[in-house]
Amino acid sequence: MSNFEMFGLLMRGVMQGGLALWVYSDVRRRERSMLWTLGTFLIPEAFFPLYFWNQIPELTWTCPQCHRRNRIYSRQCRQCSKLFTSEETVARLQGFFEISDAVVILLIALLIQDLGYSISLLIEQGFDTVTQRAELLTLETGHFWFVKLVAGNVLVVLCVYCITIRCRRTLEAVGLKYNGNLRHLAVSLLFIVPMFVGFVALYGGVAWLADATGAGWLSQLVSWERQQRAVGMPETLTVSSAVLIGFALLILLPIGEEILFRGIALPALADRFGLTKGVVLSALLFALAHGFFRHFTPLVLESLWLFPIGILIASLRVRFRSLLPGLVVHCGLNLASLVIWFGWH
């Protein structure tokens, strides 16, 4: 096992411990069984979602006149004192996103992804390889991206469920709408080239620093991350693989990730910590989760690059009140990565 794989196991242990402490604090507050804490530490992808999505979100309604939030049991606005009928208050009931909602969706998608890899390995290579996580690198390209499609669909479906059914909101309310202004989309296109240049400069700068200082571990880090980014990418591009990879990287996963990180996580974090901290924390969640979602161990350099991109996309979401400008940046960066990759190969 390489040092980077050991680092990945360490990061997973930190994640499991953090999620277990999160559940522990909530269990004490609600006086529930401590077995939830133990289960979350052992299998966080299963117990954390079961614990938090077993709880019904608090529903409130917003007064159409003064925009004050009111409790579900009240028909009279606490600020302007306007009285509404029961039917009117029920029609306006909405749940507000919690930070746990975004984490639950991400963990379930990761669980489905891991199950998909294991099933694909079982079909390809037999039962003995299922528990050998390093062997995931040998998964056939077609199977690899089929698993990504399944996980991406799960991600989108869970996001839509959380928004429309669990919290009784509309997709337009979280920014999945076109406001009719093409200038907003055009502005977002301007960020694609400098962001991608920053990505190339980061890897090139670290490689140069490794040569200049003689730090072998930096060279190993660059080589390791390049190897991980190559996982599942075919050496030669066929029509079928182009369609499969293009649909996953340019449509499905960007849509799912934008809804999750900027449609659900950003409002939840902003509501809890304020808008500025919400933007920064949603970008941090995006950067840390992205390596786990696309690869098998966390990628340090990719996370460093994705953090400012997360801030940029979240800022576009706040500025234009739409997910589409950020989605354009997201898809554009993925497209640029694909073009460069197949240009080099």
Protein backbone atom coordinates (compact mmCIF):
# COMPACT_ATOMS: atom_id res chain seq x y z
CA MET A 1 0.00 0.00 0.00
CA SER A 2 1.42 3.39 -1.02
CA ASN A 3 1.71 6.40 1.27
CA PHE A 4 -1.11 8.10 -0.64
CA GLU A 5 -3.43 5.13 -0.17
CA MET A 6 -2.61 5.18 3.55
CA PHE A 7 -3.40 8.91 3.55
CA GLY A 8 -6.75 8.08 1.94
CA LEU A 9 -7.53 5.58 4.69
CA LEU A 10 -6.55 8.16 7.30
CA MET A 11 -8.85 10.75 5.73
CA ARG A 12 -11.69 8.24 5.67
CA GLY A 13 -11.11 7.54 9.37
CA VAL A 14 -11.26 11.28 10.10
CA MET A 15 -14.49 11.54 8.10
CA GLN A 16 -16.04 8.60 9.96
CA GLY A 17 -15.05 10.06 13.31
CA GLY A 18 -16.43 13.49 12.42
CA LEU A 19 -19.76 12.10 11.25
CA ALA A 20 -20.00 9.90 14.36
CA LEU A 21 -19.44 12.94 16.61
CA TRP A 22 -22.11 14.81 14.65
CA VAL A 23 -24.61 12.00 15.25
CA TYR A 24 -23.48 11.69 18.90
CA SER A 25 -24.27 15.35 19.61
CA ASP A 26 -27.70 15.03 17.98
CA VAL A 27 -28.41 11.73 19.75
CA ARG A 28 -27.74 13.33 23.14
CA ARG A 29 -29.99 16.27 22.32
CA ARG A 30 -32.87 14.04 21.18
CA GLU A 31 -32.20 11.29 23.77
CA ARG A 32 -31.98 8.52 21.18
CA SER A 33 -29.98 5.28 21.15
CA MET A 34 -26.19 5.57 21.17
CA LEU A 35 -26.08 2.65 18.71
CA TRP A 36 -26.60 5.25 15.97
CA THR A 37 -23.21 6.75 16.86
CA LEU A 38 -21.44 3.38 16.72
CA GLY A 39 -23.16 2.46 13.44
CA THR A 40 -22.22 5.79 11.89
CA PHE A 41 -18.57 5.30 12.80
CA LEU A 42 -18.52 1.79 11.29
CA ILE A 43 -20.70 2.34 8.20
CA PRO A 44 -21.30 6.11 7.77
CA GLU A 45 -22.78 5.76 4.25
CA ALA A 46 -25.69 3.76 5.71
CA PHE A 47 -26.28 4.89 9.31
CA PHE A 48 -25.82 8.64 8.85
CA PRO A 49 -28.51 8.85 6.11
CA LEU A 50 -30.85 6.55 8.05
CA TYR A 51 -30.49 8.67 11.17
CA PHE A 52 -31.05 12.11 9.70
CA TRP A 53 -33.56 11.30 6.96
CA ASN A 54 -35.63 9.37 9.48
CA GLN A 55 -36.43 12.74 11.02
CA ILE A 56 -39.19 14.84 9.48
CA PRO A 57 -37.90 18.33 8.61
CA GLU A 58 -39.48 21.26 10.41
CA LEU A 59 -42.07 22.87 8.15
CA THR A 60 -42.80 26.60 8.19
CA TRP A 61 -44.76 28.95 6.01
CA THR A 62 -43.77 32.41 4.77
CA CYS A 63 -46.18 35.31 4.93
CA PRO A 64 -46.72 36.72 1.39
CA GLN A 65 -46.98 40.28 2.77
CA CYS A 66 -44.06 40.69 5.18
CA HIS A 67 -42.09 37.52 4.29
CA ARG A 68 -41.87 36.44 7.92
CA ARG A 69 -41.40 32.72 8.63
CA ASN A 70 -44.13 31.25 10.80
CA ARG A 71 -44.59 27.95 12.61
CA ILE A 72 -46.73 25.21 11.12
CA TYR A 73 -49.35 25.35 13.88
CA SER A 74 -50.04 29.08 13.47
CA ARG A 75 -52.44 30.56 10.90
CA GLN A 76 -51.67 34.15 11.88
CA CYS A 77 -48.43 35.87 10.89
CA ARG A 78 -46.38 36.78 13.95
CA GLN A 79 -45.18 40.05 12.40
CA CYS A 80 -48.02 41.62 10.42
CA SER A 81 -50.82 39.70 12.24
CA LYS A 82 -52.60 38.80 8.99
CA LEU A 83 -54.81 35.73 9.40
CA PHE A 84 -54.90 32.98 6.74
CA THR A 85 -57.08 29.94 6.29
CA SER A 86 -55.79 26.44 7.03
CA GLU A 87 -55.75 25.66 3.31
CA GLU A 88 -53.62 28.73 2.58
CA THR A 89 -51.06 27.93 5.27
CA VAL A 90 -50.82 24.26 4.24
CA ALA A 91 -50.24 25.30 0.62
CA ARG A 92 -47.35 27.53 1.71
CA LEU A 93 -45.66 25.00 3.98
CA GLN A 94 -41.98 24.49 3.20
CA GLY A 95 -39.05 22.79 4.86
CA PHE A 96 -35.66 24.48 5.03
CA PHE A 97 -32.53 22.66 3.98
CA GLU A 98 -30.22 21.35 6.66
CA ILE A 99 -26.49 20.77 6.25
CA SER A 100 -27.15 17.10 6.93
CA ASP A 101 -29.33 16.91 3.79
CA ALA A 102 -26.35 17.57 1.50
CA VAL A 103 -24.12 15.13 3.39
CA VAL A 104 -26.81 12.43 3.31
CA ILE A 105 -27.20 12.74 -0.47
CA LEU A 106 -23.45 12.61 -1.02
CA LEU A 107 -23.00 9.57 1.23
CA ILE A 108 -25.81 7.61 -0.43
CA ALA A 109 -24.37 8.37 -3.88
CA LEU A 110 -20.94 7.20 -2.66
CA LEU A 111 -22.49 4.01 -1.27
CA ILE A 112 -24.21 3.26 -4.59
CA GLN A 113 -20.96 3.98 -6.41
CA ASP A 114 -18.99 1.57 -4.21
CA LEU A 115 -21.65 -1.12 -4.62
CA GLY A 116 -21.56 -0.62 -8.37
CA TYR A 117 -17.78 -1.03 -8.45
CA SER A 118 -17.98 -4.20 -6.38
CA ILE A 119 -20.69 -5.72 -8.59
CA SER A 120 -18.73 -4.82 -11.74
CA LEU A 121 -15.58 -6.39 -10.31
CA LEU A 122 -17.55 -9.48 -9.37
CA ILE A 123 -18.77 -9.81 -12.95
CA GLU A 124 -15.34 -9.10 -14.47
CA GLN A 125 -12.87 -10.85 -12.21
CA GLY A 126 -14.68 -13.05 -9.70
CA PHE A 127 -15.43 -12.92 -6.00
CA ASP A 128 -11.82 -12.74 -4.75
CA THR A 129 -11.28 -9.21 -6.10
CA VAL A 130 -14.37 -7.63 -4.58
CA THR A 131 -12.63 -6.79 -1.29
CA GLN A 132 -9.39 -5.63 -2.93
CA ARG A 133 -9.90 -1.90 -3.29
CA ALA A 134 -6.68 -1.36 -5.28
CA GLU A 135 -8.06 -3.60 -8.01
CA LEU A 136 -10.69 -0.98 -8.77
CA LEU A 137 -8.10 0.63 -11.02
CA THR A 138 -8.41 -2.32 -13.42
CA LEU A 139 -12.15 -1.92 -13.99
CA GLU A 140 -13.00 -1.81 -17.68
CA THR A 141 -13.72 1.62 -19.13
CA GLY A 142 -17.29 0.79 -20.11
CA HIS A 143 -18.13 -0.62 -16.69
CA PHE A 144 -16.36 2.25 -14.91
CA TRP A 145 -18.43 4.92 -16.63
CA PHE A 146 -21.62 2.91 -16.38
CA VAL A 147 -21.13 2.92 -12.60
CA LYS A 148 -20.59 6.69 -12.78
CA LEU A 149 -23.86 7.04 -14.70
CA VAL A 150 -25.73 5.04 -12.06
CA ALA A 151 -24.20 7.08 -9.21
CA GLY A 152 -24.90 10.31 -11.09
CA ASN A 153 -28.55 9.39 -11.60
CA VAL A 154 -28.87 8.53 -7.92
CA LEU A 155 -27.34 11.90 -7.06
CA VAL A 156 -29.83 13.81 -9.23
CA VAL A 157 -32.84 11.79 -8.05
CA LEU A 158 -31.94 12.27 -4.37
CA CYS A 159 -31.47 16.01 -4.88
CA VAL A 160 -34.86 16.31 -6.57
CA TYR A 161 -36.48 14.20 -3.83
CA CYS A 162 -34.96 16.38 -1.09
CA ILE A 163 -36.11 19.58 -2.77
CA THR A 164 -39.59 18.69 -4.02
CA ILE A 165 -40.85 16.02 -1.60
CA ARG A 166 -38.88 16.27 1.62
CA CYS A 167 -38.78 20.09 1.75
CA ARG A 168 -41.84 20.82 -0.48
CA ARG A 169 -40.00 23.30 -2.69
CA THR A 170 -39.65 23.77 -6.44
CA LEU A 171 -36.54 23.33 -8.56
CA GLU A 172 -36.86 26.98 -9.60
CA ALA A 173 -36.63 27.99 -5.93
CA VAL A 174 -33.10 26.53 -5.67
CA GLY A 175 -31.93 28.28 -8.84
CA LEU A 176 -32.55 25.66 -11.53
CA LYS A 177 -34.07 28.19 -13.90
CA TYR A 178 -33.17 30.43 -16.82
CA ASN A 179 -33.77 34.10 -16.14
CA GLY A 180 -33.74 35.02 -19.85
CA ASN A 181 -30.49 37.00 -19.70
CA LEU A 182 -27.86 35.57 -22.06
CA ARG A 183 -25.31 38.05 -20.70
CA HIS A 184 -25.17 36.15 -17.44
CA LEU A 185 -24.22 32.97 -19.27
CA ALA A 186 -21.72 34.85 -21.43
CA VAL A 187 -20.02 36.29 -18.35
CA SER A 188 -19.62 32.81 -16.90
CA LEU A 189 -17.82 31.66 -20.07
CA LEU A 190 -15.08 34.20 -19.41
CA PHE A 191 -13.99 32.33 -16.29
CA ILE A 192 -13.39 28.94 -17.95
CA VAL A 193 -10.02 29.68 -19.59
CA PRO A 194 -8.33 31.38 -16.57
CA MET A 195 -9.63 28.67 -14.24
CA PHE A 196 -8.23 25.92 -16.43
CA VAL A 197 -4.94 27.79 -16.86
CA GLY A 198 -4.80 27.95 -13.07
CA PHE A 199 -5.21 24.18 -12.93
CA VAL A 200 -2.34 23.59 -15.37
CA ALA A 201 -0.20 26.18 -13.55
CA LEU A 202 -0.83 24.49 -10.19
CA TYR A 203 0.35 21.09 -11.39
CA GLY A 204 3.24 22.63 -13.36
CA GLY A 205 4.26 24.80 -10.41
CA VAL A 206 4.30 21.89 -7.99
CA ALA A 207 6.31 19.78 -10.47
CA TRP A 208 8.81 22.65 -10.90
CA LEU A 209 9.05 23.11 -7.15
CA ALA A 210 9.73 19.39 -6.75
CA ASP A 211 12.61 19.58 -9.24
CA ALA A 212 14.00 22.80 -7.76
CA THR A 213 13.98 21.60 -4.16
CA GLY A 214 14.63 17.92 -4.77
CA ALA A 215 11.51 17.00 -2.79
CA GLY A 216 10.75 13.53 -4.08
CA TRP A 217 7.41 13.35 -2.31
CA LEU A 218 6.14 16.30 -4.36
CA SER A 219 7.04 14.51 -7.60
CA GLN A 220 5.30 11.40 -6.30
CA LEU A 221 2.25 13.49 -5.41
CA VAL A 222 1.99 14.91 -8.93
CA SER A 223 2.48 11.47 -10.52
CA TRP A 224 -0.05 9.90 -8.16
CA GLU A 225 -2.74 12.47 -8.88
CA ARG A 226 -2.17 12.28 -12.62
CA GLN A 227 -2.52 8.51 -12.38
CA GLN A 228 -5.76 8.85 -10.41
CA ARG A 229 -7.16 11.34 -12.91
CA ALA A 230 -6.46 8.81 -15.66
CA VAL A 231 -8.59 6.14 -13.99
CA GLY A 232 -11.37 5.03 -16.34
CA MET A 233 -10.12 7.14 -19.25
CA PRO A 234 -9.65 5.10 -22.47
CA GLU A 235 -6.40 5.28 -24.42
CA THR A 236 -8.32 5.53 -27.71
CA LEU A 237 -11.64 7.32 -28.02
CA THR A 238 -14.50 5.49 -29.76
CA VAL A 239 -17.98 6.81 -30.49
CA SER A 240 -19.57 4.76 -27.71
CA SER A 241 -16.98 5.75 -25.09
CA ALA A 242 -17.20 9.42 -26.17
CA VAL A 243 -20.98 9.41 -25.72
CA LEU A 244 -20.77 7.64 -22.37
CA ILE A 245 -18.00 9.83 -20.91
CA GLY A 246 -19.43 13.01 -22.43
CA PHE A 247 -22.90 12.45 -21.01
CA ALA A 248 -21.52 11.64 -17.55
CA LEU A 249 -18.94 14.45 -17.31
CA LEU A 250 -20.68 17.18 -19.29
CA ILE A 251 -24.34 16.72 -18.36
CA LEU A 252 -25.28 14.33 -15.57
CA LEU A 253 -22.59 14.84 -12.91
CA PRO A 254 -22.35 18.65 -13.32
CA ILE A 255 -26.14 18.98 -12.95
CA GLY A 256 -26.19 16.73 -9.89
CA GLU A 257 -23.24 18.45 -8.24
CA GLU A 258 -24.55 21.95 -8.90
CA ILE A 259 -27.95 21.12 -7.39
CA LEU A 260 -26.27 19.45 -4.40
CA PHE A 261 -23.54 21.96 -3.57
CA ARG A 262 -25.06 25.24 -4.77
CA GLY A 263 -28.78 24.42 -4.65
CA ILE A 264 -28.97 22.61 -1.29
CA ALA A 265 -25.68 22.94 0.63
CA LEU A 266 -25.16 26.66 -0.04
CA PRO A 267 -28.60 27.80 1.25
CA ALA A 268 -28.30 25.50 4.27
CA LEU A 269 -24.84 26.80 5.19
CA ALA A 270 -25.77 30.43 4.48
CA ASP A 271 -28.87 30.13 6.64
CA ARG A 272 -26.76 28.76 9.49
CA PHE A 273 -23.53 30.77 9.25
CA GLY A 274 -24.31 33.76 7.01
CA LEU A 275 -23.87 34.28 3.27
CA THR A 276 -20.09 34.84 3.14
CA LYS A 277 -19.24 31.88 5.34
CA GLY A 278 -21.85 29.83 3.49
CA VAL A 279 -20.10 30.48 0.16
CA VAL A 280 -16.70 29.54 1.60
CA LEU A 281 -17.95 26.43 3.41
CA SER A 282 -19.92 25.19 0.40
CA ALA A 283 -16.76 25.58 -1.70
CA LEU A 284 -14.78 23.65 0.92
CA LEU A 285 -17.37 20.85 0.93
CA PHE A 286 -17.28 20.79 -2.88
CA ALA A 287 -13.48 20.56 -2.95
CA LEU A 288 -13.20 17.84 -0.31
CA ALA A 289 -16.08 15.73 -1.58
CA HIS A 290 -15.11 15.93 -5.24
CA GLY A 291 -12.00 13.81 -4.83
CA PHE A 292 -13.92 11.11 -2.99
CA PHE A 293 -16.78 11.13 -5.46
CA ARG A 294 -14.66 10.82 -8.61
CA HIS A 295 -11.69 8.85 -7.31
CA PHE A 296 -10.76 6.32 -4.68
CA THR A 297 -8.55 8.48 -2.47
CA PRO A 298 -8.66 12.24 -1.79
CA LEU A 299 -6.61 14.31 -4.23
CA VAL A 300 -4.78 17.20 -2.55
CA LEU A 301 -3.90 19.27 -5.62
CA GLU A 302 -7.32 18.82 -7.18
CA SER A 303 -8.97 19.90 -3.95
CA LEU A 304 -6.74 23.00 -3.83
CA TRP A 305 -7.82 23.86 -7.37
CA LEU A 306 -11.50 23.12 -6.79
CA PHE A 307 -11.78 25.30 -3.69
CA PRO A 308 -11.49 28.68 -5.53
CA ILE A 309 -13.66 27.28 -8.32
CA GLY A 310 -16.28 26.42 -5.71
CA ILE A 311 -16.15 29.98 -4.38
CA LEU A 312 -16.49 31.36 -7.92
CA ILE A 313 -19.47 29.17 -8.82
CA ALA A 314 -21.19 29.85 -5.49
CA SER A 315 -20.67 33.58 -6.05
CA LEU A 316 -22.26 33.30 -9.51
CA ARG A 317 -25.20 31.49 -7.92
CA VAL A 318 -25.68 34.30 -5.41
CA ARG A 319 -25.11 37.10 -7.92
CA PHE A 320 -27.39 35.84 -10.69
CA ARG A 321 -29.81 33.80 -8.51
CA SER A 322 -29.50 30.87 -10.88
CA LEU A 323 -27.52 27.65 -11.08
CA LEU A 324 -27.07 27.94 -14.85
CA PRO A 325 -24.05 30.33 -14.95
CA GLY A 326 -22.15 28.08 -12.53
CA LEU A 327 -23.28 25.03 -14.50
CA VAL A 328 -21.78 26.58 -17.64
CA VAL A 329 -18.44 27.04 -15.83
CA HIS A 330 -18.59 23.49 -14.45
CA CYS A 331 -19.34 21.90 -17.83
CA GLY A 332 -16.80 24.12 -19.59
CA LEU A 333 -13.99 23.08 -17.25
CA ASN A 334 -14.89 19.40 -17.67
CA LEU A 335 -14.95 19.83 -21.45
CA ALA A 336 -11.56 21.55 -21.42
CA SER A 337 -10.14 18.70 -19.33
CA LEU A 338 -11.45 16.12 -21.80
CA VAL A 339 -10.09 17.99 -24.82
CA ILE A 340 -6.65 18.35 -23.24
CA TRP A 341 -6.63 14.71 -22.12
CA PHE A 342 -7.46 13.22 -25.51
CA GLY A 343 -5.24 15.79 -27.22
CA TRP A 344 -2.28 14.43 -25.24
CA HIS A 345 -3.26 10.84 -25.94
